[in-house]
N, C-alpha and C. Protein backbone atom coordinates (compact mmCIF):
# COMPACT_ATOMS: atom_id res chain seq x y z
N PRO A 1 15.84 196.42 -52.41
CA PRO A 1 16.63 196.49 -51.32
C PRO A 1 17.85 196.49 -51.92
N PRO A 2 18.43 197.98 -51.67
CA PRO A 2 20.00 197.85 -51.89
C PRO A 2 20.32 196.87 -51.39
N ILE A 3 21.96 196.43 -52.51
CA ILE A 3 22.90 195.55 -52.13
C ILE A 3 23.72 195.65 -50.48
N PHE A 4 23.76 197.49 -50.60
CA PHE A 4 24.93 197.33 -49.60
C PHE A 4 23.88 198.44 -48.78
N ALA A 5 24.22 198.57 -47.31
CA ALA A 5 23.68 199.10 -46.54
C ALA A 5 24.10 200.88 -47.01
N CYS A 6 22.84 201.56 -46.69
CA CYS A 6 23.18 203.04 -47.09
C CYS A 6 24.55 203.61 -45.56
N VAL A 7 25.17 204.01 -45.65
CA VAL A 7 26.30 204.33 -44.47
C VAL A 7 26.60 205.69 -44.96
N HIS A 8 26.75 205.94 -46.57
CA HIS A 8 27.24 207.18 -46.42
C HIS A 8 26.40 208.74 -46.91
N SER A 9 26.37 210.02 -46.69
CA SER A 9 25.20 211.00 -47.39
C SER A 9 25.37 210.98 -48.41
N THR A 10 24.83 212.13 -48.67
CA THR A 10 25.03 212.34 -50.38
C THR A 10 26.56 213.00 -50.34
N SER A 11 27.22 213.85 -49.30
CA SER A 11 28.04 214.59 -49.58
C SER A 11 29.47 214.43 -48.83
N MET A 12 29.24 213.06 -48.10
CA MET A 12 30.33 212.60 -47.04
C MET A 12 30.71 210.93 -47.03
N LEU A 13 31.20 210.61 -46.99
CA LEU A 13 31.89 209.04 -46.74
C LEU A 13 32.44 209.27 -45.99
N LYS A 14 32.17 208.17 -45.07
CA LYS A 14 32.20 208.05 -43.02
C LYS A 14 33.74 207.24 -43.26
N ALA A 15 35.33 207.42 -43.20
CA ALA A 15 36.28 206.62 -43.31
C ALA A 15 35.97 205.53 -42.12
N LYS A 16 35.54 205.60 -41.50
CA LYS A 16 35.67 204.05 -40.30
C LYS A 16 34.41 203.06 -41.13
N VAL A 17 33.45 203.70 -42.14
CA VAL A 17 32.13 202.79 -42.55
C VAL A 17 32.82 202.50 -43.68
N LEU A 18 33.97 202.45 -44.28
CA LEU A 18 34.44 202.20 -46.02
C LEU A 18 34.76 200.86 -45.73
N PRO A 19 35.43 200.24 -44.58
CA PRO A 19 35.66 199.07 -44.64
C PRO A 19 33.95 198.14 -44.56
N GLN A 20 33.06 198.34 -43.69
CA GLN A 20 32.25 197.67 -43.56
C GLN A 20 31.29 197.94 -44.74
N ILE A 21 31.54 198.49 -45.80
CA ILE A 21 30.49 198.60 -47.00
C ILE A 21 31.46 197.81 -47.66
N LEU A 22 33.21 197.49 -47.86
CA LEU A 22 33.79 196.31 -48.65
C LEU A 22 33.74 194.94 -48.00
N GLU A 23 33.66 195.43 -46.88
CA GLU A 23 33.10 193.80 -46.18
C GLU A 23 31.94 192.50 -46.47
N GLN A 24 30.85 193.64 -47.01
CA GLN A 24 29.71 193.25 -47.35
C GLN A 24 29.84 192.55 -48.52
N ALA A 25 30.91 192.70 -49.46
CA ALA A 25 31.39 191.99 -50.74
C ALA A 25 32.12 190.55 -50.69
N ASN A 26 32.79 190.25 -49.54
CA ASN A 26 33.56 189.32 -48.92
C ASN A 26 32.54 188.07 -48.94
N THR A 27 32.30 187.47 -49.54
CA THR A 27 30.83 186.04 -49.58
C THR A 27 31.30 185.46 -50.91
N ASN A 28 30.79 184.09 -50.85
CA ASN A 28 30.93 183.02 -52.32
C ASN A 28 32.20 183.07 -52.61
N GLY A 29 33.27 183.04 -52.24
CA GLY A 29 34.62 182.66 -52.35
C GLY A 29 35.86 183.98 -52.55
N VAL A 30 34.70 185.43 -52.22
CA VAL A 30 35.30 186.41 -52.03
C VAL A 30 36.29 186.58 -50.42
N SER A 31 37.57 186.72 -50.65
CA SER A 31 38.76 186.67 -49.57
C SER A 31 38.70 188.30 -49.00
N CYS A 32 38.93 189.35 -49.80
CA CYS A 32 39.46 190.91 -49.94
C CYS A 32 38.94 191.27 -50.98
N SER A 33 38.11 192.72 -50.14
CA SER A 33 38.06 193.64 -50.82
C SER A 33 38.91 195.37 -50.53
N MET A 34 39.46 195.78 -51.57
CA MET A 34 40.36 197.07 -51.04
C MET A 34 39.82 198.13 -52.16
N ILE A 35 40.27 199.45 -51.54
CA ILE A 35 40.48 200.83 -52.23
C ILE A 35 41.44 201.05 -52.32
N LEU A 36 42.48 201.06 -53.28
CA LEU A 36 43.30 201.80 -53.39
C LEU A 36 43.61 202.82 -54.08
N GLN A 37 44.78 204.23 -53.76
CA GLN A 37 45.32 205.00 -54.91
C GLN A 37 45.93 204.52 -55.74
N GLN A 38 46.16 204.89 -57.00
CA GLN A 38 46.97 204.54 -57.99
C GLN A 38 48.60 204.30 -57.78
N ASP A 39 48.99 204.63 -56.73
CA ASP A 39 50.30 204.03 -56.13
C ASP A 39 50.91 203.17 -55.65
N GLY A 40 49.54 202.62 -55.01
CA GLY A 40 49.59 201.43 -54.25
C GLY A 40 49.13 201.44 -53.21
N SER A 41 49.53 202.72 -52.36
CA SER A 41 48.97 202.47 -51.21
C SER A 41 47.56 202.15 -50.76
N LEU A 42 46.98 201.74 -49.52
CA LEU A 42 45.74 201.44 -49.42
C LEU A 42 44.66 202.44 -48.52
N LEU A 43 43.46 203.16 -49.11
CA LEU A 43 42.78 203.67 -48.16
C LEU A 43 41.88 203.02 -47.01
N ALA A 44 41.71 201.76 -48.16
CA ALA A 44 40.78 201.01 -46.81
C ALA A 44 40.47 199.68 -47.60
N PHE A 45 40.24 198.62 -46.55
CA PHE A 45 40.57 197.31 -47.04
C PHE A 45 39.35 196.41 -46.18
N ALA A 46 39.04 195.36 -46.85
CA ALA A 46 37.91 194.36 -45.65
C ALA A 46 38.95 192.88 -46.37
N GLY A 47 39.09 192.05 -45.10
CA GLY A 47 39.33 190.72 -45.64
C GLY A 47 41.13 190.49 -45.17
N ASN A 48 41.58 189.22 -45.92
CA ASN A 48 42.73 188.65 -45.41
C ASN A 48 44.07 189.73 -45.58
N SER A 49 45.03 189.43 -44.64
CA SER A 49 46.17 190.30 -44.46
C SER A 49 47.01 190.53 -45.75
N LEU A 50 46.83 190.01 -46.90
CA LEU A 50 47.63 189.91 -48.02
C LEU A 50 47.28 191.26 -49.07
N ALA A 51 46.44 191.85 -48.10
CA ALA A 51 45.95 193.06 -49.26
C ALA A 51 46.98 194.38 -49.37
N LYS A 52 48.28 194.58 -48.86
CA LYS A 52 49.18 195.38 -48.91
C LYS A 52 49.94 194.63 -50.17
N THR A 53 50.07 193.70 -50.30
CA THR A 53 50.78 192.91 -51.52
C THR A 53 50.47 193.16 -52.80
N VAL A 54 48.90 192.52 -52.23
CA VAL A 54 48.40 192.60 -53.49
C VAL A 54 48.29 193.97 -54.17
N ALA A 55 47.87 194.94 -53.16
CA ALA A 55 47.65 196.16 -53.67
C ALA A 55 48.70 196.78 -54.38
N ALA A 56 49.86 196.83 -53.89
CA ALA A 56 51.00 196.92 -54.88
C ALA A 56 51.51 196.51 -56.17
N ILE A 57 50.81 195.11 -56.19
CA ILE A 57 51.35 194.48 -58.15
C ILE A 57 49.98 194.94 -58.45
N VAL A 58 48.51 195.37 -58.09
CA VAL A 58 47.78 195.72 -58.60
C VAL A 58 47.76 197.04 -59.54
N ALA A 59 48.52 197.82 -58.46
CA ALA A 59 48.86 199.36 -58.72
C ALA A 59 49.85 199.48 -60.04
N ASN A 60 51.08 198.63 -59.60
CA ASN A 60 52.16 198.17 -60.62
C ASN A 60 51.26 197.97 -62.08
N VAL A 61 50.90 196.66 -62.02
CA VAL A 61 50.37 196.44 -63.58
C VAL A 61 49.13 197.60 -63.88
N TRP A 62 48.61 198.26 -63.42
CA TRP A 62 47.35 198.83 -63.45
C TRP A 62 48.01 200.24 -64.08
N THR A 63 48.95 200.61 -63.66
CA THR A 63 49.74 201.84 -64.02
C THR A 63 50.69 201.45 -65.38
N SER A 64 51.36 200.37 -65.61
CA SER A 64 52.49 199.77 -66.56
C SER A 64 51.44 199.54 -67.89
N TYR A 65 50.31 199.06 -67.37
CA TYR A 65 49.62 198.93 -68.80
C TYR A 65 49.04 200.17 -69.18
N ASN A 66 48.20 201.04 -68.63
CA ASN A 66 47.64 202.14 -68.95
C ASN A 66 49.01 203.55 -69.69
N THR A 67 50.28 203.20 -69.30
CA THR A 67 51.41 203.77 -69.60
C THR A 67 51.78 203.03 -70.87
N ALA A 68 51.67 201.99 -71.11
CA ALA A 68 52.05 201.36 -72.41
C ALA A 68 50.97 201.57 -73.42
N VAL A 69 49.67 201.58 -73.25
CA VAL A 69 48.78 201.66 -74.21
C VAL A 69 48.11 203.35 -74.34
N GLY A 70 48.30 204.19 -73.23
CA GLY A 70 48.02 205.35 -73.26
C GLY A 70 46.38 205.63 -72.72
N MET A 71 45.84 206.31 -72.19
CA MET A 71 44.55 206.60 -71.70
C MET A 71 43.68 206.74 -72.53
N GLY A 72 43.58 206.66 -74.20
CA GLY A 72 42.47 207.10 -74.91
C GLY A 72 41.34 205.54 -74.89
N GLU A 73 40.93 205.38 -75.82
CA GLU A 73 39.95 204.30 -76.36
C GLU A 73 40.92 202.96 -75.78
N HIS A 74 41.62 202.83 -75.39
CA HIS A 74 41.92 201.54 -74.99
C HIS A 74 42.60 201.71 -73.79
N SER A 75 42.29 202.43 -72.63
CA SER A 75 42.55 202.42 -71.28
C SER A 75 41.64 201.31 -70.75
N LEU A 76 42.02 201.03 -69.57
CA LEU A 76 41.27 199.48 -69.01
C LEU A 76 40.51 200.05 -68.41
N GLU A 77 39.27 199.11 -68.38
CA GLU A 77 37.88 198.99 -67.23
C GLU A 77 38.07 197.97 -66.43
N TYR A 78 38.72 197.03 -66.85
CA TYR A 78 38.75 195.93 -65.65
C TYR A 78 40.44 194.98 -65.90
N LEU A 79 40.70 194.67 -64.26
CA LEU A 79 42.20 193.76 -64.91
C LEU A 79 41.53 192.83 -63.97
N LEU A 80 41.62 191.69 -64.74
CA LEU A 80 41.37 190.14 -64.28
C LEU A 80 42.65 189.13 -64.57
N PHE A 81 43.00 188.55 -63.08
CA PHE A 81 44.01 187.98 -62.91
C PHE A 81 44.06 186.49 -62.06
N ASP A 82 44.97 185.51 -62.30
CA ASP A 82 45.12 184.61 -61.46
C ASP A 82 46.34 185.01 -60.85
N ASN A 83 46.43 184.78 -59.37
CA ASN A 83 47.70 184.52 -58.79
C ASN A 83 48.09 183.65 -57.91
N ALA A 84 48.84 183.37 -57.26
CA ALA A 84 49.12 182.16 -56.30
C ALA A 84 48.35 182.14 -55.18
N GLU A 85 47.37 183.45 -54.84
CA GLU A 85 46.46 183.03 -53.54
C GLU A 85 45.02 182.71 -54.11
N GLY A 86 44.46 182.90 -55.49
CA GLY A 86 43.45 183.12 -56.28
C GLY A 86 43.38 184.18 -57.28
N ARG A 87 42.28 184.60 -57.75
CA ARG A 87 41.57 185.87 -58.36
C ARG A 87 41.52 186.72 -58.25
N VAL A 88 41.95 188.01 -59.14
CA VAL A 88 41.71 189.44 -58.68
C VAL A 88 40.68 189.94 -59.85
N VAL A 89 39.98 190.87 -59.41
CA VAL A 89 39.56 191.68 -60.07
C VAL A 89 39.60 193.15 -60.04
N VAL A 90 40.22 193.96 -60.82
CA VAL A 90 40.61 195.45 -60.58
C VAL A 90 39.79 196.33 -61.46
N THR A 91 39.18 197.00 -61.22
CA THR A 91 38.68 198.50 -62.14
C THR A 91 38.51 199.61 -61.28
N LYS A 92 38.66 201.03 -61.85
CA LYS A 92 38.83 201.93 -61.59
C LYS A 92 37.87 202.79 -60.94
N ALA A 93 37.84 203.59 -59.44
CA ALA A 93 36.47 203.98 -59.11
C ALA A 93 37.10 205.60 -58.60
N SER A 94 36.32 206.64 -59.57
CA SER A 94 37.10 207.91 -59.26
C SER A 94 38.39 207.89 -59.78
N LYS A 95 39.19 208.37 -59.27
CA LYS A 95 40.68 208.12 -59.31
C LYS A 95 41.70 207.31 -58.79
N MET A 96 40.61 206.54 -58.09
CA MET A 96 41.05 205.52 -57.06
C MET A 96 41.02 203.84 -57.86
N LEU A 97 41.54 202.84 -57.15
CA LEU A 97 41.78 201.80 -58.20
C LEU A 97 40.45 200.44 -56.64
N LEU A 98 39.55 199.99 -57.03
CA LEU A 98 39.11 198.87 -56.53
C LEU A 98 39.30 197.87 -56.86
N CYS A 99 40.09 197.01 -55.52
CA CYS A 99 40.07 195.64 -56.16
C CYS A 99 38.96 194.46 -55.23
N VAL A 100 39.21 193.32 -55.54
CA VAL A 100 38.10 192.26 -55.31
C VAL A 100 38.88 190.86 -55.56
N CYS A 101 39.37 190.38 -54.39
CA CYS A 101 40.27 189.08 -54.49
C CYS A 101 39.33 187.84 -53.67
N GLY A 102 39.86 186.55 -54.89
CA GLY A 102 38.94 185.55 -54.59
C GLY A 102 39.85 184.53 -54.26
N ASP A 103 39.18 183.30 -54.08
CA ASP A 103 39.76 182.30 -53.98
C ASP A 103 39.98 181.65 -55.37
N ASP A 104 40.82 180.49 -55.89
CA ASP A 104 41.08 179.86 -56.91
C ASP A 104 39.60 179.46 -57.25
N LYS A 105 38.58 178.94 -56.63
CA LYS A 105 37.35 178.81 -57.17
C LYS A 105 36.24 179.68 -57.77
N ALA A 106 36.98 180.93 -57.39
CA ALA A 106 35.62 182.15 -57.36
C ALA A 106 36.02 182.34 -58.56
N GLU A 107 34.40 182.43 -59.54
CA GLU A 107 34.56 183.07 -60.71
C GLU A 107 34.41 184.40 -61.62
N PHE A 108 35.38 184.37 -62.25
CA PHE A 108 35.98 185.82 -62.33
C PHE A 108 34.32 186.72 -62.84
N GLY A 109 33.47 185.90 -63.50
CA GLY A 109 32.11 186.61 -63.27
C GLY A 109 31.38 187.41 -62.17
N MET A 110 31.44 186.47 -61.13
CA MET A 110 31.15 186.70 -59.97
C MET A 110 31.65 187.71 -59.23
N LEU A 111 33.20 187.60 -59.31
CA LEU A 111 34.26 188.86 -59.03
C LEU A 111 33.95 190.24 -59.39
N LYS A 112 34.01 190.22 -61.02
CA LYS A 112 33.76 191.11 -62.06
C LYS A 112 32.44 191.98 -60.99
N ALA A 113 31.15 191.61 -61.12
CA ALA A 113 29.71 191.62 -60.76
C ALA A 113 30.33 192.51 -59.06
N LYS A 114 30.98 191.77 -58.54
CA LYS A 114 31.00 192.77 -56.99
C LYS A 114 31.68 193.92 -57.42
N ALA A 115 32.81 194.04 -58.05
CA ALA A 115 33.63 194.66 -58.32
C ALA A 115 32.79 196.22 -58.65
N ALA A 116 31.90 195.74 -59.84
CA ALA A 116 31.14 196.60 -60.29
C ALA A 116 29.91 197.13 -59.49
N VAL A 117 29.55 196.55 -59.13
CA VAL A 117 28.70 197.18 -57.95
C VAL A 117 29.23 197.69 -56.59
N LEU A 118 30.12 197.44 -56.45
CA LEU A 118 30.95 198.73 -55.23
C LEU A 118 31.41 199.56 -56.08
N ARG A 119 31.82 199.73 -57.39
CA ARG A 119 32.23 200.58 -58.02
C ARG A 119 31.15 201.70 -58.39
N ASP A 120 29.91 201.04 -58.47
CA ASP A 120 28.94 201.95 -59.06
C ASP A 120 28.61 203.16 -57.63
N TYR A 121 28.33 202.18 -56.37
CA TYR A 121 28.24 202.69 -55.39
C TYR A 121 29.14 203.74 -54.43
N LEU A 122 30.25 203.61 -54.70
CA LEU A 122 31.37 204.44 -53.81
C LEU A 122 31.75 205.26 -54.86
N GLU A 123 31.33 205.35 -55.99
CA GLU A 123 32.14 206.43 -57.15
C GLU A 123 32.26 207.77 -56.91
N GLU A 124 30.47 208.00 -56.50
CA GLU A 124 30.63 209.24 -56.27
C GLU A 124 31.24 209.91 -54.84
N PRO A 125 30.90 209.12 -53.89
CA PRO A 125 31.81 209.49 -52.18
C PRO A 125 33.16 209.55 -52.74
N LEU A 126 34.24 208.74 -53.36
CA LEU A 126 35.51 208.65 -53.84
C LEU A 126 35.64 209.84 -54.19
N LYS A 127 34.52 210.19 -55.49
CA LYS A 127 35.34 211.77 -56.00
C LYS A 127 35.66 212.69 -54.91
N LEU A 128 34.66 212.84 -53.89
CA LEU A 128 34.99 213.98 -52.69
C LEU A 128 36.30 213.73 -52.16
N LEU A 129 36.72 212.46 -52.07
CA LEU A 129 37.88 212.29 -51.40
C LEU A 129 39.16 212.71 -52.52
N SER A 130 39.05 212.30 -53.58
CA SER A 130 40.06 212.76 -54.34
C SER A 130 40.27 213.98 -55.08
N LYS A 131 39.36 214.51 -54.34
CA LYS A 131 39.31 216.50 -54.46
C LYS A 131 40.51 217.13 -54.19
């Protein structure tokens, strides 16, 4: 069975169910999942209230890295880091950023795996939003 309940058709992603999809990843030490635009503005999130702060930091670091190294073969696939609240994994989904935050005991591998599953599931519907 699929990891995430099917809540979108092949042609449209319903905005009110996007947080429900993200919420399904918030288990086993994951405290927050979010989708944000590359300028740091939140599109959707599920979890703790630190999302806006984390979103701004994540967007800044992602953009700074890609500006410094260029968008060629060295562009980021994942960004993993520790902060005062725990651990964070970021990846690109369509033209947006997908972020999964965990507590300080969350394993980076588990956070990365959850981010990858979310990214793969939401890639096509997010392409429609970014047009």
